[in-house]
């Protein structure tokens, strides 16, 4: 069984920066895609950023230019650096990874941006 462990959430003022990290418990798996989803209160979970094994990145329009995703394929880690945070970025952020049809989710980490 693979576990994804997230860290780095917290409370920050608008305009501030936070960096989220997610590490997989098994290093023998080469995940195809590693992503960050987020879910605002009373909203559906949405994809914020994704990065595949080859390094291709994609971002939601709402975070383009502010968020940056990176990954370390050796350490099985994915990181989300969030700049210029806005109150609407508030929510629970989830790490996601897939490997040959198997999907894995982290437990979520809370990000709160105060105005």
Protein backbone atom coordinates (compact mmCIF):
# COMPACT_ATOMS: atom_id res chain seq x y z
CA UNK A 1 0.00 0.00 0.00
CA UNK A 2 1.22 3.47 -0.89
CA UNK A 3 0.68 6.44 1.36
CA UNK A 4 1.05 10.07 0.34
CA UNK A 5 2.00 12.35 3.20
CA UNK A 6 1.49 16.08 2.80
CA UNK A 7 2.97 18.94 4.76
CA UNK A 8 3.28 22.70 4.58
CA UNK A 9 -0.25 24.00 4.94
CA UNK A 10 -1.15 26.77 7.32
CA UNK A 11 -2.45 30.30 7.72
CA UNK A 12 -1.04 33.11 5.63
CA UNK A 13 -2.05 36.65 4.79
CA UNK A 14 -3.16 37.57 1.31
CA UNK A 15 -0.17 38.14 -0.92
CA UNK A 16 1.91 35.68 1.03
CA UNK A 17 3.62 32.44 0.05
CA UNK A 18 3.25 28.83 1.13
CA UNK A 19 4.95 25.70 -0.09
CA UNK A 20 3.24 22.32 0.12
CA UNK A 21 5.12 19.05 -0.08
CA UNK A 22 3.94 15.50 -0.60
CA UNK A 23 6.07 12.40 -0.27
CA UNK A 24 5.14 8.84 -1.17
CA UNK A 25 5.86 6.04 1.27
CA UNK A 26 7.20 3.75 -1.45
CA UNK A 27 10.11 4.76 -3.64
CA UNK A 28 9.92 1.79 -5.97
CA UNK A 29 7.00 3.26 -7.93
CA UNK A 30 7.46 5.66 -10.83
CA UNK A 31 4.22 7.59 -10.69
CA UNK A 32 2.93 8.74 -14.04
CA UNK A 33 1.19 11.85 -12.81
CA UNK A 34 1.51 13.69 -9.53
CA UNK A 35 -0.99 16.45 -8.86
CA UNK A 36 -2.38 18.86 -6.37
CA UNK A 37 -6.12 19.17 -6.00
CA UNK A 38 -7.91 21.58 -3.75
CA UNK A 39 -11.35 21.86 -2.24
CA UNK A 40 -12.79 25.08 -0.94
CA UNK A 41 -15.57 24.99 1.67
CA UNK A 42 -18.84 23.80 0.11
CA UNK A 43 -17.14 23.46 -3.29
CA UNK A 44 -16.17 20.52 -5.45
CA UNK A 45 -12.61 19.30 -5.45
CA UNK A 46 -10.71 20.84 -8.35
CA UNK A 47 -7.39 20.22 -10.00
CA UNK A 48 -4.90 22.98 -9.24
CA UNK A 49 -1.69 21.71 -10.82
CA UNK A 50 -0.34 18.54 -12.37
CA UNK A 51 3.02 17.29 -13.53
CA UNK A 52 3.76 14.08 -15.38
CA UNK A 53 6.87 11.93 -15.16
CA UNK A 54 8.40 13.62 -18.21
CA UNK A 55 8.05 17.04 -16.65
CA UNK A 56 5.01 18.42 -18.42
CA UNK A 57 3.12 20.84 -16.20
CA UNK A 58 -0.46 22.05 -16.33
CA UNK A 59 -2.25 24.55 -14.14
CA UNK A 60 -5.79 25.64 -13.49
CA UNK A 61 -6.44 29.09 -14.94
CA UNK A 62 -7.07 30.42 -11.45
CA UNK A 63 -3.51 29.65 -10.30
CA UNK A 64 -1.47 30.22 -13.47
CA UNK A 65 1.41 32.59 -12.89
CA UNK A 66 1.16 32.23 -9.12
CA UNK A 67 1.59 28.52 -8.38
CA UNK A 68 4.48 26.32 -9.42
CA UNK A 69 4.56 22.54 -9.26
CA UNK A 70 7.72 20.49 -9.19
CA UNK A 71 8.59 16.89 -8.47
CA UNK A 72 11.53 14.74 -7.56
CA UNK A 73 11.17 11.36 -9.23
CA UNK A 74 13.88 9.81 -7.09
CA UNK A 75 12.46 10.95 -3.77
CA UNK A 76 8.86 10.44 -5.02
CA UNK A 77 8.02 13.94 -3.89
CA UNK A 78 5.83 16.62 -5.40
CA UNK A 79 5.91 20.22 -4.27
CA UNK A 80 3.54 23.12 -4.84
CA UNK A 81 4.87 26.60 -4.33
CA UNK A 82 2.06 29.10 -3.99
CA UNK A 83 2.83 32.78 -4.41
CA UNK A 84 0.58 35.84 -4.25
CA UNK A 85 -2.01 33.90 -2.33
CA UNK A 86 -5.59 35.13 -2.34
CA UNK A 87 -8.43 34.46 0.10
CA UNK A 88 -10.12 32.39 -2.62
CA UNK A 89 -7.17 29.99 -2.49
CA UNK A 90 -8.38 28.88 0.93
CA UNK A 91 -9.23 25.21 1.14
CA UNK A 92 -7.92 21.74 1.75
CA UNK A 93 -5.14 20.76 -0.64
CA UNK A 94 -4.76 17.12 -1.60
CA UNK A 95 -1.84 15.35 -3.18
CA UNK A 96 -2.69 12.78 -5.85
CA UNK A 97 -0.59 10.29 -7.76
CA UNK A 98 -1.33 7.49 -10.16
CA UNK A 99 0.52 4.39 -11.27
CA UNK A 100 -0.82 1.99 -13.89
CA UNK A 101 -4.43 2.67 -13.07
CA UNK A 102 -4.01 2.78 -9.31
CA UNK A 103 -4.83 6.09 -7.70
CA UNK A 104 -3.47 7.41 -4.43
CA UNK A 105 -4.57 10.37 -2.34
CA UNK A 106 -3.04 12.19 0.56
CA UNK A 107 -5.03 13.04 3.64
CA UNK A 108 -5.19 16.74 2.78
CA UNK A 109 -3.60 19.81 4.30
CA UNK A 110 -5.46 23.01 5.16
CA UNK A 111 -4.48 26.28 3.56
CA UNK A 112 -6.12 29.43 4.89
CA UNK A 113 -5.50 32.82 3.34
CA UNK A 114 -6.71 35.79 5.34
CA UNK A 115 -7.64 39.09 3.74
